[in-house]
Each structure stands twice: as C-alpha cells, then as structure tokens.
Amino acid sequence: MHVPKRAQPTAADDFASWSTQLRKGIVELMILSLVDREQLYGYAIVRELKERGGLAAGEGTVYPVLRRLESDGLVSAAWSDEGPAGPRKYYRITDDGRAFLERAWAEWDTVSSAMGDLRGEKR
C-alpha cells in the first residue's frame, strides 16, 4: 500500500505558525493589561485586542485564557445585568494578578531589550 507523503510546509506556512504562537504566548499579558485599566466583559476584550494593531485573539482563545486566569486567582469575575445587552460577566484584575502583571512586564522589557540589542538598536 502506497502512503502519500505529506506536503512539506513552506516558509510562509512556518512563519504564519510562528507568528500565531508568538501572539498566543502574549495573550495573558494583553488581557491582564486591559483588565488592569478597567473591568471588561469577554467580548469587549476580544474587540479591544482586534482594535489594537492586529493583536487579534478570537473568542476561542480569549475565553479559555480568562477561565484559566480566574482559576489561577489573577482575575475575578462578576455578573452584571445592567445595560440593554443583558447579563455580562465582567473581569477585573486581582492583587495577585497585578503582581503577576508587574513581573510579566519586567520580563517583557528584558526580552524586548535583548531583542533590540540583537537587532543593533540603540537605547
């Protein structure tokens, strides 16, 4: 029996995959940063991420991350039925979330600085 070979991924496929993984890796940082500024409901977070320079993370990414952040105690959530849209679950950062976010931004700055050095950027 002949088994056909799978098509080899192209450089464009490899880059798209890498780019997707990079963005997924920073979704928690982006979400925590948003809810640090104000409490938001899930779809508002999805919309904010789309509006901020292509940092798109769809509902299938954002909601599981929100559940994990809530489970880890980094955000808290409360239902509100105010407004015409009906009940919405609003997320806000916790003290532990704020401490985590501070450490995450420090790590981001370290990595970003190292990448800038590799590119030859001056500080």
Protein backbone atom coordinates (compact mmCIF):
# COMPACT_ATOMS: atom_id res chain seq x y z
CA MET A 1 0.00 0.00 0.00
CA HIS A 2 1.36 3.39 -1.02
CA VAL A 3 1.10 6.14 1.60
CA PRO A 4 1.34 9.60 0.05
CA LYS A 5 3.87 11.97 1.53
CA ARG A 6 2.54 15.00 3.33
CA ALA A 7 3.28 18.24 1.62
CA GLN A 8 6.24 19.98 3.16
CA PRO A 9 5.34 23.25 4.87
CA THR A 10 6.52 26.34 3.06
CA ALA A 11 8.49 29.17 4.62
CA ALA A 12 5.27 31.21 4.60
CA ASP A 13 3.47 28.41 6.49
CA ASP A 14 6.32 28.22 9.00
CA PHE A 15 6.23 31.97 9.56
CA ALA A 16 2.45 32.05 9.96
CA SER A 17 2.65 29.29 12.55
CA TRP A 18 5.48 31.04 14.41
CA SER A 19 3.61 34.35 14.36
CA THR A 20 0.45 32.70 15.70
CA GLN A 21 2.37 31.04 18.52
CA LEU A 22 4.11 34.31 19.41
CA ARG A 23 0.80 36.13 19.68
CA LYS A 24 -0.81 33.32 21.67
CA GLY A 25 2.11 33.46 24.06
CA ILE A 26 1.36 37.05 25.00
CA VAL A 27 -2.44 36.88 25.21
CA GLU A 28 -2.37 36.60 29.02
CA LEU A 29 -0.20 39.71 29.28
CA MET A 30 -2.51 41.61 26.94
CA ILE A 31 -5.67 40.55 28.78
CA LEU A 32 -4.24 41.34 32.21
CA SER A 33 -3.12 44.74 30.93
CA LEU A 34 -6.62 45.51 29.64
CA VAL A 35 -8.44 44.49 32.82
CA ASP A 36 -5.87 46.35 34.89
CA ARG A 37 -7.13 49.57 33.27
CA GLU A 38 -10.84 48.80 33.67
CA GLN A 39 -13.17 45.90 34.22
CA LEU A 40 -14.31 44.43 30.92
CA TYR A 41 -16.55 41.62 29.72
CA GLY A 42 -15.18 38.89 27.47
CA TYR A 43 -16.33 40.12 24.08
CA ALA A 44 -15.10 43.65 24.89
CA ILE A 45 -11.67 42.13 25.48
CA VAL A 46 -11.81 40.34 22.12
CA ARG A 47 -12.80 43.61 20.44
CA GLU A 48 -10.06 45.61 22.19
CA LEU A 49 -7.43 43.12 21.09
CA LYS A 50 -8.63 43.31 17.47
CA GLU A 51 -8.58 47.11 17.54
CA ARG A 52 -5.03 47.31 18.87
CA GLY A 53 -2.88 46.79 15.82
CA GLY A 54 -3.87 43.31 14.84
CA LEU A 55 -3.43 41.70 18.23
CA ALA A 56 -6.38 39.57 17.29
CA ALA A 57 -7.28 36.78 19.62
CA GLY A 58 -10.67 35.29 18.94
CA GLU A 59 -13.28 34.11 21.40
CA GLY A 60 -11.87 30.57 21.19
CA THR A 61 -8.60 31.89 22.59
CA VAL A 62 -9.75 34.64 24.96
CA TYR A 63 -12.43 32.79 26.93
CA PRO A 64 -10.24 29.80 27.89
CA VAL A 65 -7.49 32.22 28.95
CA LEU A 66 -9.99 34.18 31.06
CA ARG A 67 -11.14 30.95 32.74
CA ARG A 68 -7.52 30.00 33.46
CA LEU A 69 -6.69 33.47 34.80
CA GLU A 70 -9.76 33.30 37.04
CA SER A 71 -8.86 29.79 38.22
CA ASP A 72 -5.32 30.99 38.99
CA GLY A 73 -6.69 33.92 41.00
CA LEU A 74 -5.23 36.56 38.68
CA VAL A 75 -8.64 37.96 37.71
CA SER A 76 -12.01 37.91 39.41
CA ALA A 77 -15.33 37.88 37.62
CA ALA A 78 -18.80 39.10 38.49
CA TRP A 79 -22.04 39.07 36.55
CA SER A 80 -23.81 42.34 35.82
CA ASP A 81 -27.21 42.67 34.26
CA GLU A 82 -27.00 46.42 33.79
CA GLY A 83 -27.47 47.71 30.28
CA PRO A 84 -29.59 46.72 27.31
CA ALA A 85 -27.49 43.70 26.33
CA GLY A 86 -28.49 41.69 29.36
CA PRO A 87 -26.18 39.87 31.79
CA ARG A 88 -22.45 40.03 31.14
CA LYS A 89 -19.55 38.58 33.07
CA TYR A 90 -17.07 41.34 33.87
CA TYR A 91 -13.43 40.65 34.67
CA ARG A 92 -11.12 42.69 36.83
CA ILE A 93 -7.55 42.14 37.90
CA THR A 94 -6.83 40.94 41.44
CA ASP A 95 -3.90 41.96 43.65
CA ASP A 96 -2.16 38.70 42.70
CA GLY A 97 -2.89 39.48 39.05
CA ARG A 98 -1.39 42.94 39.39
CA ALA A 99 1.76 41.48 41.00
CA PHE A 100 1.99 38.90 38.20
CA LEU A 101 1.47 41.61 35.58
CA GLU A 102 4.27 43.71 37.06
CA ARG A 103 6.65 40.75 36.89
CA ALA A 104 5.47 39.89 33.36
CA TRP A 105 6.12 43.43 32.12
CA ALA A 106 9.60 43.35 33.68
CA GLU A 107 10.28 40.09 31.83
CA TRP A 108 8.87 41.59 28.63
CA ASP A 109 11.20 44.58 28.99
CA THR A 110 14.19 42.27 29.48
CA VAL A 111 13.37 40.17 26.43
CA SER A 112 12.48 43.21 24.33
CA SER A 113 15.75 44.91 25.26
CA ALA A 114 17.74 41.79 24.40
CA MET A 115 15.98 41.54 21.03
CA GLY A 116 16.71 45.22 20.37
CA ASP A 117 20.38 44.64 21.18
CA LEU A 118 20.46 41.73 18.73
CA ARG A 119 18.98 43.97 16.04
CA GLY A 120 21.57 46.63 16.78
CA GLU A 121 19.07 49.15 18.13
CA LYS A 122 20.38 51.87 20.38
CA ARG A 123 18.75 52.52 23.71
